[in-house]
PDB file of N, CA and C in Angstrom:
ATOM      1  N   UNK A   1       7.221 201.309  -7.368  1.00  0.00           N
ATOM      2  CA  UNK A   1       5.844 200.303  -7.674  1.00  0.00           C
ATOM      3  C   UNK A   1       4.579 201.115  -7.575  1.00  0.00           C
ATOM      4  N   UNK A   2       3.665 200.529  -8.081  1.00  0.00           N
ATOM      5  CA  UNK A   2       2.493 200.773  -7.849  1.00  0.00           C
ATOM      6  C   UNK A   2       1.438 200.166  -7.656  1.00  0.00           C
ATOM      7  N   UNK A   3       1.873 198.585  -8.172  1.00  0.00           N
ATOM      8  CA  UNK A   3       0.867 197.032  -8.570  1.00  0.00           C
ATOM      9  C   UNK A   3       1.991 195.995  -9.068  1.00  0.00           C
ATOM     10  N   UNK A   4       2.031 195.087  -8.255  1.00  0.00           N
ATOM     11  CA  UNK A   4       2.526 193.790  -9.336  1.00  0.00           C
ATOM     12  C   UNK A   4       1.285 193.277 -10.057  1.00  0.00           C
ATOM     13  N   UNK A   5       1.650 193.099 -10.617  1.00  0.00           N
ATOM     14  CA  UNK A   5       0.643 192.278 -11.485  1.00  0.00           C
ATOM     15  C   UNK A   5       0.897 190.608 -12.015  1.00  0.00           C
ATOM     16  N   UNK A   6      -0.367 189.755 -11.109  1.00  0.00           N
ATOM     17  CA  UNK A   6       0.136 188.186 -11.709  1.00  0.00           C
ATOM     18  C   UNK A   6      -1.118 187.804 -13.051  1.00  0.00           C
ATOM     19  N   UNK A   7      -0.093 186.876 -13.711  1.00  0.00           N
ATOM     20  CA  UNK A   7      -0.846 186.425 -14.782  1.00  0.00           C
ATOM     21  C   UNK A   7      -0.367 185.195 -14.158  1.00  0.00           C
ATOM     22  N   UNK A   8      -2.336 184.117 -14.527  1.00  0.00           N
ATOM     23  CA  UNK A   8      -1.680 182.776 -14.710  1.00  0.00           C
ATOM     24  C   UNK A   8      -1.394 181.589 -16.104  1.00  0.00           C
ATOM     25  N   UNK A   9      -0.784 180.273 -16.193  1.00  0.00           N
ATOM     26  CA  UNK A   9      -0.802 180.207 -17.475  1.00  0.00           C
ATOM     27  C   UNK A   9      -0.567 178.736 -17.403  1.00  0.00           C
ATOM     28  N   UNK A  10      -0.665 178.724 -18.245  1.00  0.00           N
ATOM     29  CA  UNK A  10      -0.914 176.733 -18.470  1.00  0.00           C
ATOM     30  C   UNK A  10      -0.948 175.625 -17.592  1.00  0.00           C
ATOM     31  N   UNK A  11       0.439 176.195 -16.975  1.00  0.00           N
ATOM     32  CA  UNK A  11       0.859 175.298 -15.761  1.00  0.00           C
ATOM     33  C   UNK A  11       0.221 175.386 -14.053  1.00  0.00           C
ATOM     34  N   UNK A  12       0.073 176.548 -14.599  1.00  0.00           N
ATOM     35  CA  UNK A  12      -0.809 176.797 -13.327  1.00  0.00           C
ATOM     36  C   UNK A  12      -1.708 176.195 -13.161  1.00  0.00           C
ATOM     37  N   UNK A  13      -2.904 175.905 -14.620  1.00  0.00           N
ATOM     38  CA  UNK A  13      -3.712 175.009 -14.004  1.00  0.00           C
ATOM     39  C   UNK A  13      -3.609 173.854 -13.822  1.00  0.00           C
ATOM     40  N   UNK A  14      -2.491 173.488 -14.131  1.00  0.00           N
ATOM     41  CA  UNK A  14      -2.005 171.680 -14.627  1.00  0.00           C
ATOM     42  C   UNK A  14      -1.723 171.215 -13.323  1.00  0.00           C
ATOM     43  N   UNK A  15      -1.229 171.733 -12.355  1.00  0.00           N
ATOM     44  CA  UNK A  15      -0.822 171.170 -11.383  1.00  0.00           C
ATOM     45  C   UNK A  15      -0.867 171.516  -9.946  1.00  0.00           C
ATOM     46  N   UNK A  16      -0.923 171.001  -8.857  1.00  0.00           N
ATOM     47  CA  UNK A  16      -1.952 171.160  -7.851  1.00  0.00           C
ATOM     48  C   UNK A  16      -0.499 171.709  -6.709  1.00  0.00           C
ATOM     49  N   UNK A  17       0.709 171.721  -7.145  1.00  0.00           N
ATOM     50  CA  UNK A  17       1.720 172.137  -6.658  1.00  0.00           C
ATOM     51  C   UNK A  17       2.343 173.649  -6.987  1.00  0.00           C
ATOM     52  N   UNK A  18       2.079 173.925  -8.101  1.00  0.00           N
ATOM     53  CA  UNK A  18       2.228 175.534  -8.514  1.00  0.00           C
ATOM     54  C   UNK A  18       1.430 176.057  -8.281  1.00  0.00           C
ATOM     55  N   UNK A  19       0.117 175.649  -7.740  1.00  0.00           N
ATOM     56  CA  UNK A  19      -1.430 176.768  -7.346  1.00  0.00           C
ATOM     57  C   UNK A  19      -0.802 176.972  -5.895  1.00  0.00           C
ATOM     58  N   UNK A  20      -0.491 175.799  -5.110  1.00  0.00           N
ATOM     59  CA  UNK A  20       0.378 175.946  -4.070  1.00  0.00           C
ATOM     60  C   UNK A  20       1.354 176.733  -3.881  1.00  0.00           C
ATOM     61  N   UNK A  21       2.092 176.997  -4.961  1.00  0.00           N
ATOM     62  CA  UNK A  21       2.812 177.704  -4.986  1.00  0.00           C
ATOM     63  C   UNK A  21       2.834 179.589  -5.247  1.00  0.00           C
ATOM     64  N   UNK A  22       2.622 179.491  -5.845  1.00  0.00           N
ATOM     65  CA  UNK A  22       1.632 181.034  -5.886  1.00  0.00           C
ATOM     66  C   UNK A  22       0.780 181.259  -5.091  1.00  0.00           C
ATOM     67  N   UNK A  23       0.154 180.569  -3.940  1.00  0.00           N
ATOM     68  CA  UNK A  23      -0.717 181.158  -3.391  1.00  0.00           C
ATOM     69  C   UNK A  23       0.501 181.883  -1.999  1.00  0.00           C
ATOM     70  N   UNK A  24       1.474 180.898  -1.957  1.00  0.00           N
ATOM     71  CA  UNK A  24       2.527 180.812  -0.933  1.00  0.00           C
ATOM     72  C   UNK A  24       3.451 182.609  -1.496  1.00  0.00           C
ATOM     73  N   UNK A  25       3.492 182.705  -2.442  1.00  0.00           N
ATOM     74  CA  UNK A  25       4.087 183.569  -3.180  1.00  0.00           C
ATOM     75  C   UNK A  25       3.119 184.806  -2.947  1.00  0.00           C
ATOM     76  N   UNK A  26       2.159 184.615  -3.050  1.00  0.00           N
ATOM     77  CA  UNK A  26       1.010 186.092  -2.860  1.00  0.00           C
ATOM     78  C   UNK A  26       1.387 186.392  -1.287  1.00  0.00           C
ATOM     79  N   UNK A  27       1.308 185.376  -0.702  1.00  0.00           N
ATOM     80  CA  UNK A  27       1.018 185.827   0.670  1.00  0.00           C
ATOM     81  C   UNK A  27       2.689 186.381   1.298  1.00  0.00           C
ATOM     82  N   UNK A  28       3.423 185.840   0.914  1.00  0.00           N
ATOM     83  CA  UNK A  28       4.891 186.296   1.101  1.00  0.00           C
ATOM     84  C   UNK A  28       4.725 187.675   0.419  1.00  0.00           C
ATOM     85  N   UNK A  29       4.180 188.208  -0.681  1.00  0.00           N
ATOM     86  CA  UNK A  29       4.673 189.340  -1.071  1.00  0.00           C
ATOM     87  C   UNK A  29       3.800 190.285  -0.230  1.00  0.00           C
ATOM     88  N   UNK A  30       2.747 189.463   0.175  1.00  0.00           N
ATOM     89  CA  UNK A  30       1.436 190.622   1.115  1.00  0.00           C
ATOM     90  C   UNK A  30       1.853 191.271   1.818  1.00  0.00           C
ATOM     91  N   UNK A  31       2.243 190.220   2.540  1.00  0.00           N
ATOM     92  CA  UNK A  31       3.487 190.141   3.655  1.00  0.00           C
ATOM     93  C   UNK A  31       4.681 191.615   3.518  1.00  0.00           C
ATOM     94  N   UNK A  32       5.137 191.555   2.146  1.00  0.00           N
ATOM     95  CA  UNK A  32       5.902 192.485   2.439  1.00  0.00           C
ATOM     96  C   UNK A  32       5.803 193.584   1.618  1.00  0.00           C
ATOM     97  N   UNK A  33       4.232 194.179   1.586  1.00  0.00           N
ATOM     98  CA  UNK A  33       3.638 195.526   1.727  1.00  0.00           C
ATOM     99  C   UNK A  33       3.534 195.768  -0.407  1.00  0.00           C
ATOM    100  N   UNK A  34       3.618 194.259  -0.580  1.00  0.00           N
ATOM    101  CA  UNK A  34       2.989 194.349  -1.933  1.00  0.00           C
ATOM    102  C   UNK A  34       1.751 194.837  -2.405  1.00  0.00           C
ATOM    103  N   UNK A  35       1.207 195.435  -2.706  1.00  0.00           N
ATOM    104  CA  UNK A  35       0.030 195.436  -3.457  1.00  0.00           C
ATOM    105  C   UNK A  35      -0.335 194.469  -5.064  1.00  0.00           C
ATOM    106  N   UNK A  36      -1.108 193.203  -5.042  1.00  0.00           N
ATOM    107  CA  UNK A  36      -1.003 192.355  -6.595  1.00  0.00           C
ATOM    108  C   UNK A  36      -2.507 192.561  -6.942  1.00  0.00           C
ATOM    109  N   UNK A  37      -2.223 192.267  -8.049  1.00  0.00           N
ATOM    110  CA  UNK A  37      -3.651 192.447  -8.562  1.00  0.00           C
ATOM    111  C   UNK A  37      -3.736 190.926  -9.947  1.00  0.00           C
ATOM    112  N   UNK A  38      -4.321 190.269  -9.905  1.00  0.00           N
ATOM    113  CA  UNK A  38      -4.153 189.248 -10.903  1.00  0.00           C
ATOM    114  C   UNK A  38      -4.977 189.841 -12.062  1.00  0.00           C
ATOM    115  N   UNK A  39      -4.586 189.244 -13.310  1.00  0.00           N
ATOM    116  CA  UNK A  39      -5.153 188.811 -14.406  1.00  0.00           C
ATOM    117  C   UNK A  39      -5.147 187.220 -14.620  1.00  0.00           C
ATOM    118  N   UNK A  40      -6.367 186.682 -14.778  1.00  0.00           N
ATOM    119  CA  UNK A  40      -6.474 185.341 -15.688  1.00  0.00           C
ATOM    120  C   UNK A  40      -6.799 185.084 -16.918  1.00  0.00           C
ATOM    121  N   UNK A  41      -5.836 184.442 -17.284  1.00  0.00           N
ATOM    122  CA  UNK A  41      -5.597 184.376 -18.548  1.00  0.00           C
ATOM    123  C   UNK A  41      -6.920 183.751 -19.682  1.00  0.00           C
ATOM    124  N   UNK A  42      -7.810 183.098 -18.986  1.00  0.00           N
ATOM    125  CA  UNK A  42      -8.768 183.182 -19.180  1.00  0.00           C
ATOM    126  C   UNK A  42      -9.901 184.717 -20.186  1.00  0.00           C
ATOM    127  N   UNK A  43      -9.634 185.677 -19.269  1.00  0.00           N
ATOM    128  CA  UNK A  43     -10.159 186.394 -19.017  1.00  0.00           C
ATOM    129  C   UNK A  43      -9.354 187.360 -19.693  1.00  0.00           C
ATOM    130  N   UNK A  44      -8.564 187.568 -19.701  1.00  0.00           N
ATOM    131  CA  UNK A  44      -7.632 188.646 -20.569  1.00  0.00           C
ATOM    132  C   UNK A  44      -7.860 187.754 -22.439  1.00  0.00           C
ATOM    133  N   UNK A  45      -7.747 186.764 -22.563  1.00  0.00           N
ATOM    134  CA  UNK A  45      -7.980 186.137 -24.233  1.00  0.00           C
ATOM    135  C   UNK A  45      -9.428 185.980 -24.430  1.00  0.00           C
ATOM    136  N   UNK A  46     -10.560 186.259 -22.752  1.00  0.00           N
ATOM    137  CA  UNK A  46     -11.809 186.284 -23.747  1.00  0.00           C
ATOM    138  C   UNK A  46     -12.540 187.964 -23.498  1.00  0.00           C
ATOM    139  N   UNK A  47     -11.750 188.848 -23.126  1.00  0.00           N
ATOM    140  CA  UNK A  47     -12.876 189.907 -22.975  1.00  0.00           C
ATOM    141  C   UNK A  47     -11.208 190.910 -22.572  1.00  0.00           C
ATOM    142  N   UNK A  48      -9.955 191.012 -23.543  1.00  0.00           N
ATOM    143  CA  UNK A  48      -8.662 191.686 -23.164  1.00  0.00           C
ATOM    144  C   UNK A  48      -9.336 193.070 -22.981  1.00  0.00           C
ATOM    145  N   UNK A  49      -9.829 193.969 -23.554  1.00  0.00           N
ATOM    146  CA  UNK A  49     -10.479 195.119 -23.726  1.00  0.00           C
ATOM    147  C   UNK A  49     -11.180 195.422 -22.121  1.00  0.00           C
ATOM    148  N   UNK A  50     -11.753 194.473 -21.823  1.00  0.00           N
ATOM    149  CA  UNK A  50     -12.507 195.061 -20.450  1.00  0.00           C
ATOM    150  C   UNK A  50     -11.294 194.758 -19.859  1.00  0.00           C
ATOM    151  N   UNK A  51     -10.316 193.256 -19.751  1.00  0.00           N
ATOM    152  CA  UNK A  51      -9.334 193.509 -18.556  1.00  0.00           C
ATOM    153  C   UNK A  51      -8.571 194.467 -18.338  1.00  0.00           C
ATOM    154  N   UNK A  52      -8.508 195.357 -19.888  1.00  0.00           N
ATOM    155  CA  UNK A  52      -7.563 196.775 -19.479  1.00  0.00           C
ATOM    156  C   UNK A  52      -8.371 197.907 -18.938  1.00  0.00           C
ATOM    157  N   UNK A  53      -9.381 197.961 -19.314  1.00  0.00           N
ATOM    158  CA  UNK A  53      -9.807 198.589 -18.664  1.00  0.00           C
ATOM    159  C   UNK A  53      -9.991 198.492 -17.018  1.00  0.00           C
ATOM    160  N   UNK A  54     -10.634 197.638 -16.667  1.00  0.00           N
ATOM    161  CA  UNK A  54     -10.753 197.337 -14.813  1.00  0.00           C
ATOM    162  C   UNK A  54      -9.490 197.151 -14.628  1.00  0.00           C
ATOM    163  N   UNK A  55      -7.884 197.050 -15.528  1.00  0.00           N
ATOM    164  CA  UNK A  55      -6.706 197.287 -14.793  1.00  0.00           C
ATOM    165  C   UNK A  55      -6.218 199.044 -14.975  1.00  0.00           C
ATOM    166  N   UNK A  56      -6.714 199.525 -15.630  1.00  0.00           N
ATOM    167  CA  UNK A  56      -6.535 200.978 -15.680  1.00  0.00           C
ATOM    168  C   UNK A  56      -7.423 201.860 -14.357  1.00  0.00           C
ATOM    169  N   UNK A  57      -8.329 201.625 -14.388  1.00  0.00           N
ATOM    170  CA  UNK A  57      -9.220 201.490 -12.929  1.00  0.00           C
ATOM    171  C   UNK A  57      -8.913 201.638 -11.677  1.00  0.00           C
ATOM    172  N   UNK A  58      -8.257 200.034 -11.632  1.00  0.00           N
ATOM    173  CA  UNK A  58      -7.346 199.802 -10.668  1.00  0.00           C
ATOM    174  C   UNK A  58      -6.303 200.659  -9.991  1.00  0.00           C
ATOM    175  N   UNK A  59      -5.744 200.780 -11.415  1.00  0.00           N
ATOM    176  CA  UNK A  59      -3.919 201.641 -11.241  1.00  0.00           C
ATOM    177  C   UNK A  59      -4.618 202.578 -10.655  1.00  0.00           C
ATOM    178  N   UNK A  60      -5.967 203.662 -11.116  1.00  0.00           N
ATOM    179  CA  UNK A  60      -5.544 204.843 -11.071  1.00  0.00           C
ATOM    180  C   UNK A  60      -6.411 205.200  -9.706  1.00  0.00           C
ATOM    181  N   UNK A  61      -7.417 204.151  -9.256  1.00  0.00           N
ATOM    182  CA  UNK A  61      -7.270 204.098  -8.265  1.00  0.00           C
ATOM    183  C   UNK A  61      -6.347 204.156  -6.786  1.00  0.00           C
ATOM    184  N   UNK A  62      -5.942 203.309  -7.309  1.00  0.00           N
ATOM    185  CA  UNK A  62      -3.828 203.347  -5.806  1.00  0.00           C
ATOM    186  C   UNK A  62      -3.468 204.589  -6.004  1.00  0.00           C
ATOM    187  N   UNK A  63      -3.022 205.164  -7.673  1.00  0.00           N
ATOM    188  CA  UNK A  63      -2.315 205.685  -7.314  1.00  0.00           C
ATOM    189  C   UNK A  63      -2.783 207.306  -7.029  1.00  0.00           C
ATOM    190  N   UNK A  64      -4.207 207.536  -7.098  1.00  0.00           N
ATOM    191  CA  UNK A  64      -5.067 208.591  -6.182  1.00  0.00           C
ATOM    192  C   UNK A  64      -4.942 208.297  -4.373  1.00  0.00           C
ATOM    193  N   UNK A  65      -5.033 206.894  -4.480  1.00  0.00           N
ATOM    194  CA  UNK A  65      -5.047 206.653  -2.608  1.00  0.00           C
ATOM    195  C   UNK A  65      -3.451 206.951  -2.611  1.00  0.00           C
ATOM    196  N   UNK A  66      -2.334 206.725  -3.182  1.00  0.00           N
ATOM    197  CA  UNK A  66      -0.886 207.296  -2.732  1.00  0.00           C
ATOM    198  C   UNK A  66      -1.081 208.701  -2.426  1.00  0.00           C
ATOM    199  N   UNK A  67      -1.620 209.818  -3.163  1.00  0.00           N
ATOM    200  CA  UNK A  67      -1.698 211.272  -3.076  1.00  0.00           C
ATOM    201  C   UNK A  67      -2.193 211.696  -1.790  1.00  0.00           C
TER     202      UNK A  67
END
């Protein structure tokens, strides 16, 4: 895999424990060597094309770095 993509959702914004769990999950995955990319729902719904371009550029950069 090149990168893990994380997205927030309605429950992410509504509970402190969910945010804490997300941060803990990210910390554990990064320690295991995962590269994570987050897409915020507000950005996705507000400017999907821009977010796709940003993700595409990020993925291309990561793939080039592996070559």
